[in-house]
Amino acid sequence: MKTFPIPRDAMVVTSTFVIKEQMPILEVSHEDDEEGGGLWQFHCGNGDYSMSKMQLVRLDTILTMDPSVNQIADLEIGKTAHRKGLESPWSVI
């Protein structure tokens, strides 16, 4: 099984759509952050990235909600993975 290259208690970005409304995680991005590390984001793919909707949570919160995101734990910096539904395969761009 793949594992994320960050500690399970590391902070990641998501939204109220995922945390409060429990919408499925359909988009994951791994971006370069200002300190030279990687910033992970987990979204529902609805296109609403308003700052008022963003939340910081621990990676283990995301993994508890949806263990299937482990499938893309090796996503390279600068890449984004999408899927159409929880049972759909990930597509990396």
N, C-alpha and C. Protein backbone atom coordinates (compact mmCIF):
# COMPACT_ATOMS: atom_id res chain seq x y z
N MET A 1 0.84 -1.18 0.00
CA MET A 1 0.00 0.00 0.00
C MET A 1 0.89 1.25 0.00
N LYS A 2 0.47 2.25 -0.75
CA LYS A 2 1.21 3.50 -0.80
C LYS A 2 0.94 4.30 0.47
N THR A 3 1.92 5.13 0.85
CA THR A 3 1.73 6.02 1.99
C THR A 3 2.20 7.42 1.62
N PHE A 4 1.58 8.40 2.19
CA PHE A 4 1.93 9.79 1.92
C PHE A 4 3.31 10.10 2.49
N PRO A 5 4.08 10.95 1.79
CA PRO A 5 5.44 11.28 2.24
C PRO A 5 5.47 12.36 3.32
N ILE A 6 4.36 12.51 4.03
CA ILE A 6 4.27 13.48 5.12
C ILE A 6 3.68 12.75 6.33
N PRO A 7 3.93 13.27 7.53
CA PRO A 7 3.35 12.63 8.72
C PRO A 7 1.82 12.68 8.69
N ARG A 8 1.20 11.70 9.31
CA ARG A 8 -0.26 11.65 9.34
C ARG A 8 -0.87 12.83 10.08
N ASP A 9 -0.09 13.50 10.95
CA ASP A 9 -0.61 14.67 11.66
C ASP A 9 -0.29 15.98 10.95
N ALA A 10 0.27 15.91 9.74
CA ALA A 10 0.57 17.12 8.96
C ALA A 10 -0.73 17.76 8.50
N MET A 11 -0.71 19.08 8.40
CA MET A 11 -1.89 19.82 7.97
C MET A 11 -1.99 19.82 6.45
N VAL A 12 -3.21 19.62 5.96
CA VAL A 12 -3.52 19.64 4.53
C VAL A 12 -4.72 20.55 4.33
N VAL A 13 -4.95 20.94 3.08
CA VAL A 13 -6.05 21.84 2.76
C VAL A 13 -7.23 21.04 2.22
N THR A 14 -8.41 21.40 2.67
CA THR A 14 -9.64 20.85 2.14
C THR A 14 -10.70 21.94 2.23
N SER A 15 -11.95 21.56 2.22
CA SER A 15 -13.02 22.56 2.28
C SER A 15 -14.16 22.08 3.16
N THR A 16 -15.05 23.02 3.45
CA THR A 16 -16.25 22.67 4.21
C THR A 16 -17.12 21.69 3.44
N PHE A 17 -17.00 21.69 2.12
CA PHE A 17 -17.79 20.74 1.32
C PHE A 17 -17.42 19.31 1.68
N VAL A 18 -16.13 19.06 1.86
CA VAL A 18 -15.65 17.72 2.21
C VAL A 18 -15.88 17.43 3.69
N ILE A 19 -15.54 18.37 4.56
CA ILE A 19 -15.60 18.12 6.00
C ILE A 19 -17.02 18.20 6.56
N LYS A 20 -17.72 19.27 6.28
CA LYS A 20 -19.04 19.46 6.88
C LYS A 20 -20.17 18.83 6.07
N GLU A 21 -20.08 18.95 4.74
CA GLU A 21 -21.15 18.42 3.89
C GLU A 21 -20.88 16.99 3.44
N GLN A 22 -19.69 16.49 3.77
CA GLN A 22 -19.27 15.12 3.47
C GLN A 22 -19.39 14.76 1.99
N MET A 23 -19.06 15.74 1.14
CA MET A 23 -18.99 15.47 -0.29
C MET A 23 -17.74 14.62 -0.55
N PRO A 24 -17.75 13.75 -1.56
CA PRO A 24 -16.61 12.88 -1.81
C PRO A 24 -15.38 13.64 -2.31
N ILE A 25 -14.22 13.12 -1.99
CA ILE A 25 -12.96 13.70 -2.48
C ILE A 25 -12.76 13.19 -3.90
N LEU A 26 -12.83 14.11 -4.86
CA LEU A 26 -12.71 13.76 -6.27
C LEU A 26 -11.53 14.46 -6.94
N GLU A 27 -10.84 15.32 -6.19
CA GLU A 27 -9.70 16.07 -6.74
C GLU A 27 -8.63 16.21 -5.66
N VAL A 28 -7.42 15.82 -5.99
CA VAL A 28 -6.29 15.94 -5.06
C VAL A 28 -5.15 16.61 -5.80
N SER A 29 -4.56 17.61 -5.19
CA SER A 29 -3.40 18.25 -5.81
C SER A 29 -2.23 18.25 -4.83
N HIS A 30 -1.05 18.20 -5.41
CA HIS A 30 0.20 18.23 -4.64
C HIS A 30 1.00 19.37 -5.22
N GLU A 31 1.06 20.47 -4.50
CA GLU A 31 1.68 21.69 -5.01
C GLU A 31 2.96 22.01 -4.24
N ASP A 32 3.80 22.79 -4.86
CA ASP A 32 5.01 23.27 -4.22
C ASP A 32 4.62 24.42 -3.30
N ASP A 33 5.03 24.38 -2.05
CA ASP A 33 4.71 25.49 -1.15
C ASP A 33 5.91 26.42 -1.02
N GLU A 34 5.71 27.52 -0.31
CA GLU A 34 6.74 28.56 -0.20
C GLU A 34 7.99 28.10 0.52
N GLU A 35 7.88 27.12 1.41
CA GLU A 35 9.03 26.64 2.15
C GLU A 35 9.77 25.53 1.43
N GLY A 36 9.36 25.21 0.20
CA GLY A 36 10.05 24.20 -0.57
C GLY A 36 9.53 22.79 -0.37
N GLY A 37 8.51 22.63 0.41
CA GLY A 37 7.91 21.31 0.61
C GLY A 37 6.70 21.14 -0.28
N GLY A 38 5.89 20.20 0.04
CA GLY A 38 4.70 19.96 -0.76
C GLY A 38 3.45 20.30 0.02
N LEU A 39 2.51 20.94 -0.64
CA LEU A 39 1.22 21.28 -0.07
C LEU A 39 0.18 20.37 -0.71
N TRP A 40 -0.52 19.60 0.11
CA TRP A 40 -1.55 18.68 -0.37
C TRP A 40 -2.92 19.31 -0.19
N GLN A 41 -3.77 19.19 -1.24
CA GLN A 41 -5.14 19.68 -1.17
C GLN A 41 -6.10 18.57 -1.59
N PHE A 42 -7.21 18.47 -0.86
CA PHE A 42 -8.22 17.43 -1.09
C PHE A 42 -9.58 18.10 -1.25
N HIS A 43 -10.14 18.04 -2.46
CA HIS A 43 -11.39 18.75 -2.75
C HIS A 43 -12.43 17.85 -3.40
N CYS A 44 -13.65 18.36 -3.44
CA CYS A 44 -14.75 17.59 -4.02
C CYS A 44 -14.88 17.81 -5.52
N GLY A 45 -14.16 18.78 -6.07
CA GLY A 45 -14.17 19.00 -7.50
C GLY A 45 -15.32 19.85 -8.01
N ASN A 46 -15.99 20.59 -7.11
CA ASN A 46 -17.11 21.43 -7.54
C ASN A 46 -16.66 22.80 -8.06
N GLY A 47 -15.38 23.10 -7.99
CA GLY A 47 -14.86 24.35 -8.53
C GLY A 47 -14.93 25.54 -7.58
N ASP A 48 -15.51 25.37 -6.39
CA ASP A 48 -15.61 26.46 -5.43
C ASP A 48 -14.42 26.39 -4.47
N TYR A 49 -13.45 27.26 -4.69
CA TYR A 49 -12.26 27.30 -3.86
C TYR A 49 -12.20 28.61 -3.06
N SER A 50 -13.37 29.14 -2.70
CA SER A 50 -13.46 30.38 -1.93
C SER A 50 -12.71 30.22 -0.61
N MET A 51 -12.00 31.25 -0.23
CA MET A 51 -11.25 31.21 1.03
C MET A 51 -12.18 30.93 2.21
N SER A 52 -13.42 31.39 2.14
CA SER A 52 -14.36 31.17 3.23
C SER A 52 -14.76 29.70 3.36
N LYS A 53 -14.50 28.92 2.32
CA LYS A 53 -14.84 27.48 2.33
C LYS A 53 -13.63 26.60 2.67
N MET A 54 -12.42 27.17 2.62
CA MET A 54 -11.22 26.37 2.85
C MET A 54 -11.03 26.06 4.32
N GLN A 55 -10.45 24.88 4.59
CA GLN A 55 -10.15 24.46 5.95
C GLN A 55 -8.82 23.73 5.98
N LEU A 56 -8.10 23.87 7.08
CA LEU A 56 -6.91 23.07 7.33
C LEU A 56 -7.30 21.93 8.26
N VAL A 57 -6.93 20.72 7.88
CA VAL A 57 -7.18 19.55 8.72
C VAL A 57 -5.94 18.67 8.68
N ARG A 58 -5.88 17.73 9.59
CA ARG A 58 -4.78 16.78 9.59
C ARG A 58 -4.99 15.75 8.48
N LEU A 59 -3.88 15.28 7.93
CA LEU A 59 -3.96 14.25 6.90
C LEU A 59 -4.73 13.03 7.40
N ASP A 60 -4.54 12.64 8.64
CA ASP A 60 -5.25 11.46 9.12
C ASP A 60 -6.77 11.65 9.14
N THR A 61 -7.25 12.88 9.24
CA THR A 61 -8.68 13.14 9.13
C THR A 61 -9.17 12.77 7.73
N ILE A 62 -8.40 13.18 6.72
CA ILE A 62 -8.75 12.85 5.33
C ILE A 62 -8.71 11.35 5.12
N LEU A 63 -7.66 10.69 5.62
CA LEU A 63 -7.51 9.25 5.42
C LEU A 63 -8.60 8.45 6.12
N THR A 64 -9.07 8.95 7.25
CA THR A 64 -10.18 8.29 7.94
C THR A 64 -11.47 8.44 7.14
N MET A 65 -11.68 9.62 6.57
CA MET A 65 -12.89 9.87 5.78
C MET A 65 -12.89 9.06 4.49
N ASP A 66 -11.71 8.97 3.84
CA ASP A 66 -11.63 8.31 2.54
C ASP A 66 -10.26 7.65 2.36
N PRO A 67 -10.12 6.41 2.82
CA PRO A 67 -8.84 5.71 2.70
C PRO A 67 -8.41 5.48 1.25
N SER A 68 -9.33 5.60 0.29
CA SER A 68 -8.97 5.36 -1.11
C SER A 68 -8.01 6.41 -1.67
N VAL A 69 -7.86 7.56 -0.99
CA VAL A 69 -6.91 8.55 -1.49
C VAL A 69 -5.47 8.06 -1.35
N ASN A 70 -5.25 7.01 -0.56
CA ASN A 70 -3.91 6.41 -0.47
C ASN A 70 -3.43 5.93 -1.83
N GLN A 71 -4.34 5.66 -2.74
CA GLN A 71 -3.97 5.19 -4.09
C GLN A 71 -3.08 6.19 -4.82
N ILE A 72 -3.19 7.46 -4.46
CA ILE A 72 -2.40 8.50 -5.14
C ILE A 72 -1.43 9.19 -4.18
N ALA A 73 -1.02 8.50 -3.14
CA ALA A 73 -0.10 9.06 -2.15
C ALA A 73 1.26 9.42 -2.75
N ASP A 74 1.56 8.85 -3.91
CA ASP A 74 2.84 9.15 -4.57
C ASP A 74 2.70 10.22 -5.65
N LEU A 75 1.62 10.98 -5.62
CA LEU A 75 1.39 12.05 -6.59
C LEU A 75 2.54 13.05 -6.55
N GLU A 76 3.13 13.32 -7.69
CA GLU A 76 4.28 14.22 -7.76
C GLU A 76 3.86 15.67 -7.54
N ILE A 77 4.80 16.48 -7.03
CA ILE A 77 4.56 17.91 -6.88
C ILE A 77 4.25 18.51 -8.25
N GLY A 78 3.23 19.34 -8.30
CA GLY A 78 2.81 19.99 -9.54
C GLY A 78 1.72 19.22 -10.28
N LYS A 79 1.32 18.09 -9.75
CA LYS A 79 0.31 17.26 -10.41
C LYS A 79 -1.02 17.33 -9.65
N THR A 80 -2.10 17.04 -10.37
CA THR A 80 -3.44 16.97 -9.81
C THR A 80 -4.08 15.67 -10.28
N ALA A 81 -4.78 15.01 -9.37
CA ALA A 81 -5.49 13.78 -9.70
C ALA A 81 -6.99 14.04 -9.58
N HIS A 82 -7.74 13.51 -10.55
CA HIS A 82 -9.20 13.66 -10.57
C HIS A 82 -9.83 12.29 -10.73
N ARG A 83 -11.05 12.16 -10.27
CA ARG A 83 -11.86 10.97 -10.54
C ARG A 83 -13.32 11.41 -10.60
N LYS A 84 -14.14 10.62 -11.28
CA LYS A 84 -15.55 10.98 -11.46
C LYS A 84 -16.41 10.59 -10.27
N GLY A 85 -16.00 9.59 -9.52
CA GLY A 85 -16.75 9.13 -8.36
C GLY A 85 -15.85 8.30 -7.48
N LEU A 86 -16.35 7.92 -6.32
CA LEU A 86 -15.54 7.16 -5.37
C LEU A 86 -15.03 5.84 -5.91
N GLU A 87 -15.77 5.23 -6.80
CA GLU A 87 -15.36 3.94 -7.36
C GLU A 87 -14.60 4.08 -8.68
N SER A 88 -14.44 5.29 -9.16
CA SER A 88 -13.76 5.55 -10.43
C SER A 88 -12.25 5.60 -10.25
N PRO A 89 -11.50 5.27 -11.29
CA PRO A 89 -10.04 5.34 -11.19
C PRO A 89 -9.56 6.81 -11.21
N TRP A 90 -8.41 7.03 -10.62
CA TRP A 90 -7.79 8.35 -10.62
C TRP A 90 -7.14 8.62 -11.96
N SER A 91 -7.25 9.85 -12.43
CA SER A 91 -6.59 10.30 -13.63
C SER A 91 -5.67 11.46 -13.21
N VAL A 92 -4.39 11.36 -13.56
CA VAL A 92 -3.41 12.36 -13.13
C VAL A 92 -3.07 13.29 -14.29
N ILE A 93 -3.11 14.60 -14.01
CA ILE A 93 -2.71 15.60 -15.02
C ILE A 93 -1.66 16.52 -14.44
